[in-house]
Amino acid sequence: MPKLKIRKSVSRRFRVTPRGKVLHKPSFGGHLKVNKKKNQIRRQKGLKRIKNSVARKIKKLLGKSTK
């Protein structure tokens, strides 16, 4: 059986931790920060975790195990 290709667009947007959690960078954080509240800018800084069913689909697209 041939090796599965990973989705490059997904690999750029998401990452999987060693324990299997899927992380992403929130949207709307790139520019136009003058108009945003400080709380919103602060929330945009870190990586956020993605929940169960969507995380399983992303792992599948990345070629990771979905146990």
PDB file of N, CA and C in Angstrom:
ATOM      1  N   MET A   1       0.843  -1.181   0.000  1.00  0.00           N
ATOM      2  CA  MET A   1       0.000   0.000   0.000  1.00  0.00           C
ATOM      3  C   MET A   1       0.889   1.246   0.000  1.00  0.00           C
ATOM      4  N   PRO A   2       0.602   2.239  -0.845  1.00  0.00           N
ATOM      5  CA  PRO A   2       1.468   3.408  -0.925  1.00  0.00           C
ATOM      6  C   PRO A   2       1.366   4.275   0.331  1.00  0.00           C
ATOM      7  N   LYS A   3       2.400   5.048   0.539  1.00  0.00           N
ATOM      8  CA  LYS A   3       2.439   5.948   1.696  1.00  0.00           C
ATOM      9  C   LYS A   3       1.446   7.094   1.480  1.00  0.00           C
ATOM     10  N   LEU A   4       0.713   7.439   2.544  1.00  0.00           N
ATOM     11  CA  LEU A   4      -0.254   8.522   2.443  1.00  0.00           C
ATOM     12  C   LEU A   4       0.457   9.864   2.433  1.00  0.00           C
ATOM     13  N   LYS A   5       0.014  10.748   1.577  1.00  0.00           N
ATOM     14  CA  LYS A   5       0.565  12.101   1.554  1.00  0.00           C
ATOM     15  C   LYS A   5      -0.162  12.945   2.589  1.00  0.00           C
ATOM     16  N   ILE A   6       0.606  13.767   3.322  1.00  0.00           N
ATOM     17  CA  ILE A   6      -0.036  14.668   4.272  1.00  0.00           C
ATOM     18  C   ILE A   6      -0.499  15.915   3.530  1.00  0.00           C
ATOM     19  N   ARG A   7      -1.496  16.578   4.083  1.00  0.00           N
ATOM     20  CA  ARG A   7      -1.990  17.807   3.483  1.00  0.00           C
ATOM     21  C   ARG A   7      -1.104  18.953   3.928  1.00  0.00           C
ATOM     22  N   LYS A   8      -0.399  19.571   2.993  1.00  0.00           N
ATOM     23  CA  LYS A   8       0.562  20.614   3.339  1.00  0.00           C
ATOM     24  C   LYS A   8      -0.131  21.834   3.929  1.00  0.00           C
ATOM     25  N   SER A   9      -1.328  22.161   3.453  1.00  0.00           N
ATOM     26  CA  SER A   9      -2.036  23.321   4.000  1.00  0.00           C
ATOM     27  C   SER A   9      -2.398  23.083   5.467  1.00  0.00           C
ATOM     28  N   VAL A  10      -2.764  21.854   5.801  1.00  0.00           N
ATOM     29  CA  VAL A  10      -3.102  21.523   7.178  1.00  0.00           C
ATOM     30  C   VAL A  10      -1.854  21.519   8.046  1.00  0.00           C
ATOM     31  N   SER A  11      -0.747  21.037   7.512  1.00  0.00           N
ATOM     32  CA  SER A  11       0.480  20.976   8.303  1.00  0.00           C
ATOM     33  C   SER A  11       1.022  22.371   8.613  1.00  0.00           C
ATOM     34  N   ARG A  12       0.691  23.340   7.806  1.00  0.00           N
ATOM     35  CA  ARG A  12       1.124  24.713   8.087  1.00  0.00           C
ATOM     36  C   ARG A  12       0.249  25.388   9.139  1.00  0.00           C
ATOM     37  N   ARG A  13      -0.999  24.979   9.246  1.00  0.00           N
ATOM     38  CA  ARG A  13      -1.946  25.654  10.146  1.00  0.00           C
ATOM     39  C   ARG A  13      -2.067  25.013  11.512  1.00  0.00           C
ATOM     40  N   PHE A  14      -1.737  23.724  11.612  1.00  0.00           N
ATOM     41  CA  PHE A  14      -1.943  22.996  12.857  1.00  0.00           C
ATOM     42  C   PHE A  14      -0.669  22.271  13.238  1.00  0.00           C
ATOM     43  N   ARG A  15      -0.549  21.981  14.548  1.00  0.00           N
ATOM     44  CA  ARG A  15       0.534  21.108  14.975  1.00  0.00           C
ATOM     45  C   ARG A  15       0.018  20.192  16.066  1.00  0.00           C
ATOM     46  N   VAL A  16       0.631  19.007  16.153  1.00  0.00           N
ATOM     47  CA  VAL A  16       0.219  18.006  17.120  1.00  0.00           C
ATOM     48  C   VAL A  16       1.318  17.879  18.159  1.00  0.00           C
ATOM     49  N   THR A  17       0.949  17.973  19.430  1.00  0.00           N
ATOM     50  CA  THR A  17       1.905  17.842  20.516  1.00  0.00           C
ATOM     51  C   THR A  17       2.291  16.374  20.686  1.00  0.00           C
ATOM     52  N   PRO A  18       3.362  16.100  21.441  1.00  0.00           N
ATOM     53  CA  PRO A  18       3.737  14.695  21.663  1.00  0.00           C
ATOM     54  C   PRO A  18       2.643  13.863  22.329  1.00  0.00           C
ATOM     55  N   ARG A  19       1.770  14.487  23.105  1.00  0.00           N
ATOM     56  CA  ARG A  19       0.674  13.752  23.741  1.00  0.00           C
ATOM     57  C   ARG A  19      -0.557  13.657  22.848  1.00  0.00           C
ATOM     58  N   GLY A  20      -0.529  14.257  21.664  1.00  0.00           N
ATOM     59  CA  GLY A  20      -1.612  14.087  20.716  1.00  0.00           C
ATOM     60  C   GLY A  20      -2.621  15.217  20.671  1.00  0.00           C
ATOM     61  N   LYS A  21      -2.364  16.330  21.363  1.00  0.00           N
ATOM     62  CA  LYS A  21      -3.285  17.457  21.299  1.00  0.00           C
ATOM     63  C   LYS A  21      -3.025  18.238  20.020  1.00  0.00           C
ATOM     64  N   VAL A  22      -4.079  18.759  19.420  1.00  0.00           N
ATOM     65  CA  VAL A  22      -3.963  19.529  18.184  1.00  0.00           C
ATOM     66  C   VAL A  22      -4.069  21.002  18.532  1.00  0.00           C
ATOM     67  N   LEU A  23      -3.086  21.794  18.098  1.00  0.00           N
ATOM     68  CA  LEU A  23      -3.036  23.216  18.395  1.00  0.00           C
ATOM     69  C   LEU A  23      -3.119  24.020  17.112  1.00  0.00           C
ATOM     70  N   HIS A  24      -3.661  25.242  17.216  1.00  0.00           N
ATOM     71  CA  HIS A  24      -3.729  26.148  16.073  1.00  0.00           C
ATOM     72  C   HIS A  24      -3.589  27.570  16.559  1.00  0.00           C
ATOM     73  N   LYS A  25      -3.278  28.475  15.646  1.00  0.00           N
ATOM     74  CA  LYS A  25      -3.203  29.891  15.962  1.00  0.00           C
ATOM     75  C   LYS A  25      -4.547  30.522  15.609  1.00  0.00           C
ATOM     76  N   PRO A  26      -5.154  31.269  16.537  1.00  0.00           N
ATOM     77  CA  PRO A  26      -6.474  31.841  16.264  1.00  0.00           C
ATOM     78  C   PRO A  26      -6.449  32.847  15.120  1.00  0.00           C
ATOM     79  N   SER A  27      -7.584  33.002  14.482  1.00  0.00           N
ATOM     80  CA  SER A  27      -7.678  33.935  13.359  1.00  0.00           C
ATOM     81  C   SER A  27      -7.847  35.366  13.856  1.00  0.00           C
ATOM     82  N   PHE A  28      -7.781  36.306  12.958  1.00  0.00           N
ATOM     83  CA  PHE A  28      -7.969  37.743  13.192  1.00  0.00           C
ATOM     84  C   PHE A  28      -6.877  38.364  14.061  1.00  0.00           C
ATOM     85  N   GLY A  29      -5.701  37.772  14.101  1.00  0.00           N
ATOM     86  CA  GLY A  29      -4.654  38.316  14.956  1.00  0.00           C
ATOM     87  C   GLY A  29      -3.503  38.927  14.195  1.00  0.00           C
ATOM     88  N   GLY A  30      -3.599  39.021  12.887  1.00  0.00           N
ATOM     89  CA  GLY A  30      -2.442  39.419  12.096  1.00  0.00           C
ATOM     90  C   GLY A  30      -2.227  40.908  11.963  1.00  0.00           C
ATOM     91  N   HIS A  31      -3.276  41.672  11.771  1.00  0.00           N
ATOM     92  CA  HIS A  31      -3.099  43.097  11.525  1.00  0.00           C
ATOM     93  C   HIS A  31      -4.340  43.843  11.994  1.00  0.00           C
ATOM     94  N   LEU A  32      -4.380  45.139  11.797  1.00  0.00           N
ATOM     95  CA  LEU A  32      -5.463  46.022  12.239  1.00  0.00           C
ATOM     96  C   LEU A  32      -5.663  45.933  13.758  1.00  0.00           C
ATOM     97  N   LYS A  33      -4.558  45.915  14.494  1.00  0.00           N
ATOM     98  CA  LYS A  33      -4.649  45.742  15.940  1.00  0.00           C
ATOM     99  C   LYS A  33      -5.031  47.021  16.674  1.00  0.00           C
ATOM    100  N   VAL A  34      -4.954  48.160  16.012  1.00  0.00           N
ATOM    101  CA  VAL A  34      -5.320  49.420  16.654  1.00  0.00           C
ATOM    102  C   VAL A  34      -6.805  49.429  17.006  1.00  0.00           C
ATOM    103  N   ASN A  35      -7.606  48.783  16.177  1.00  0.00           N
ATOM    104  CA  ASN A  35      -9.051  48.782  16.379  1.00  0.00           C
ATOM    105  C   ASN A  35      -9.529  47.691  17.331  1.00  0.00           C
ATOM    106  N   LYS A  36      -8.628  46.809  17.775  1.00  0.00           N
ATOM    107  CA  LYS A  36      -9.035  45.686  18.612  1.00  0.00           C
ATOM    108  C   LYS A  36      -8.797  46.011  20.088  1.00  0.00           C
ATOM    109  N   LYS A  37      -9.596  45.396  20.943  1.00  0.00           N
ATOM    110  CA  LYS A  37      -9.431  45.569  22.381  1.00  0.00           C
ATOM    111  C   LYS A  37      -8.176  44.823  22.837  1.00  0.00           C
ATOM    112  N   LYS A  38      -7.589  45.300  23.942  1.00  0.00           N
ATOM    113  CA  LYS A  38      -6.355  44.690  24.437  1.00  0.00           C
ATOM    114  C   LYS A  38      -6.580  43.245  24.853  1.00  0.00           C
ATOM    115  N   ASN A  39      -7.755  42.944  25.413  1.00  0.00           N
ATOM    116  CA  ASN A  39      -8.049  41.563  25.789  1.00  0.00           C
ATOM    117  C   ASN A  39      -8.060  40.652  24.568  1.00  0.00           C
ATOM    118  N   GLN A  40      -8.608  41.144  23.477  1.00  0.00           N
ATOM    119  CA  GLN A  40      -8.675  40.339  22.259  1.00  0.00           C
ATOM    120  C   GLN A  40      -7.272  40.094  21.702  1.00  0.00           C
ATOM    121  N   ILE A  41      -6.433  41.131  21.720  1.00  0.00           N
ATOM    122  CA  ILE A  41      -5.057  40.985  21.233  1.00  0.00           C
ATOM    123  C   ILE A  41      -4.315  39.971  22.096  1.00  0.00           C
ATOM    124  N   ARG A  42      -4.521  40.026  23.392  1.00  0.00           N
ATOM    125  CA  ARG A  42      -3.850  39.097  24.305  1.00  0.00           C
ATOM    126  C   ARG A  42      -4.300  37.667  24.059  1.00  0.00           C
ATOM    127  N   ARG A  43      -5.579  37.468  23.792  1.00  0.00           N
ATOM    128  CA  ARG A  43      -6.085  36.123  23.521  1.00  0.00           C
ATOM    129  C   ARG A  43      -5.525  35.553  22.222  1.00  0.00           C
ATOM    130  N   GLN A  44      -5.168  36.419  21.286  1.00  0.00           N
ATOM    131  CA  GLN A  44      -4.664  35.960  19.992  1.00  0.00           C
ATOM    132  C   GLN A  44      -3.228  35.458  20.059  1.00  0.00           C
ATOM    133  N   LYS A  45      -2.508  35.762  21.129  1.00  0.00           N
ATOM    134  CA  LYS A  45      -1.068  35.494  21.159  1.00  0.00           C
ATOM    135  C   LYS A  45      -0.728  34.008  21.175  1.00  0.00           C
ATOM    136  N   GLY A  46      -1.364  33.238  22.042  1.00  0.00           N
ATOM    137  CA  GLY A  46      -0.962  31.854  22.211  1.00  0.00           C
ATOM    138  C   GLY A  46      -1.588  30.916  21.208  1.00  0.00           C
ATOM    139  N   LEU A  47      -1.199  29.671  21.314  1.00  0.00           N
ATOM    140  CA  LEU A  47      -1.817  28.628  20.516  1.00  0.00           C
ATOM    141  C   LEU A  47      -3.015  28.091  21.275  1.00  0.00           C
ATOM    142  N   LYS A  48      -4.056  27.735  20.566  1.00  0.00           N
ATOM    143  CA  LYS A  48      -5.279  27.232  21.175  1.00  0.00           C
ATOM    144  C   LYS A  48      -5.476  25.768  20.805  1.00  0.00           C
ATOM    145  N   ARG A  49      -6.116  25.028  21.719  1.00  0.00           N
ATOM    146  CA  ARG A  49      -6.360  23.616  21.509  1.00  0.00           C
ATOM    147  C   ARG A  49      -7.659  23.408  20.735  1.00  0.00           C
ATOM    148  N   ILE A  50      -7.673  22.385  19.897  1.00  0.00           N
ATOM    149  CA  ILE A  50      -8.863  22.051  19.116  1.00  0.00           C
ATOM    150  C   ILE A  50      -9.516  20.827  19.754  1.00  0.00           C
ATOM    151  N   LYS A  51     -10.834  20.831  19.799  1.00  0.00           N
ATOM    152  CA  LYS A  51     -11.583  19.798  20.498  1.00  0.00           C
ATOM    153  C   LYS A  51     -11.702  18.514  19.683  1.00  0.00           C
ATOM    154  N   ASN A  52     -12.349  17.533  20.264  1.00  0.00           N
ATOM    155  CA  ASN A  52     -12.300  16.121  19.906  1.00  0.00           C
ATOM    156  C   ASN A  52     -12.506  15.759  18.442  1.00  0.00           C
ATOM    157  N   SER A  53     -13.715  15.925  17.917  1.00  0.00           N
ATOM    158  CA  SER A  53     -14.025  15.351  16.609  1.00  0.00           C
ATOM    159  C   SER A  53     -13.255  16.045  15.489  1.00  0.00           C
ATOM    160  N   VAL A  54     -13.093  17.348  15.593  1.00  0.00           N
ATOM    161  CA  VAL A  54     -12.324  18.073  14.578  1.00  0.00           C
ATOM    162  C   VAL A  54     -10.854  17.694  14.666  1.00  0.00           C
ATOM    163  N   ALA A  55     -10.353  17.512  15.887  1.00  0.00           N
ATOM    164  CA  ALA A  55      -8.950  17.138  16.081  1.00  0.00           C
ATOM    165  C   ALA A  55      -8.656  15.783  15.434  1.00  0.00           C
ATOM    166  N   ARG A  56      -9.600  14.852  15.535  1.00  0.00           N
ATOM    167  CA  ARG A  56      -9.402  13.544  14.915  1.00  0.00           C
ATOM    168  C   ARG A  56      -9.269  13.664  13.400  1.00  0.00           C
ATOM    169  N   LYS A  57     -10.093  14.520  12.786  1.00  0.00           N
ATOM    170  CA  LYS A  57     -10.023  14.710  11.337  1.00  0.00           C
ATOM    171  C   LYS A  57      -8.697  15.344  10.928  1.00  0.00           C
ATOM    172  N   ILE A  58      -8.232  16.314  11.718  1.00  0.00           N
ATOM    173  CA  ILE A  58      -6.970  16.985  11.403  1.00  0.00           C
ATOM    174  C   ILE A  58      -5.802  16.012  11.523  1.00  0.00           C
ATOM    175  N   LYS A  59      -5.815  15.176  12.566  1.00  0.00           N
ATOM    176  CA  LYS A  59      -4.750  14.189  12.724  1.00  0.00           C
ATOM    177  C   LYS A  59      -4.725  13.230  11.539  1.00  0.00           C
ATOM    178  N   LYS A  60      -5.896  12.870  11.051  1.00  0.00           N
ATOM    179  CA  LYS A  60      -5.959  11.968   9.913  1.00  0.00           C
ATOM    180  C   LYS A  60      -5.333  12.621   8.677  1.00  0.00           C
ATOM    181  N   LEU A  61      -5.612  13.911   8.475  1.00  0.00           N
ATOM    182  CA  LEU A  61      -5.033  14.625   7.333  1.00  0.00           C
ATOM    183  C   LEU A  61      -3.523  14.784   7.476  1.00  0.00           C
ATOM    184  N   LEU A  62      -3.034  14.818   8.720  1.00  0.00           N
ATOM    185  CA  LEU A  62      -1.605  14.956   8.958  1.00  0.00           C
ATOM    186  C   LEU A  62      -0.888  13.611   8.958  1.00  0.00           C
ATOM    187  N   GLY A  63      -1.631  12.510   8.871  1.00  0.00           N
ATOM    188  CA  GLY A  63      -1.016  11.195   8.853  1.00  0.00           C
ATOM    189  C   GLY A  63      -0.619  10.709  10.231  1.00  0.00           C
ATOM    190  N   LYS A  64      -1.179  11.276  11.297  1.00  0.00           N
ATOM    191  CA  LYS A  64      -0.887  10.845  12.663  1.00  0.00           C
ATOM    192  C   LYS A  64      -1.903   9.798  13.083  1.00  0.00           C
ATOM    193  N   SER A  65      -1.569   9.038  14.112  1.00  0.00           N
ATOM    194  CA  SER A  65      -2.506   8.028  14.592  1.00  0.00           C
ATOM    195  C   SER A  65      -3.643   8.715  15.343  1.00  0.00           C
ATOM    196  N   THR A  66      -4.831   8.174  15.228  1.00  0.00           N
ATOM    197  CA  THR A  66      -6.013   8.791  15.846  1.00  0.00           C
ATOM    198  C   THR A  66      -6.568   7.905  16.948  1.00  0.00           C
ATOM    199  N   LYS A  67      -5.702   7.375  17.789  1.00  0.00           N
ATOM    200  CA  LYS A  67      -6.148   6.489  18.878  1.00  0.00           C
ATOM    201  C   LYS A  67      -6.788   7.279  19.977  1.00  0.00           C
TER     202      LYS A  67
END
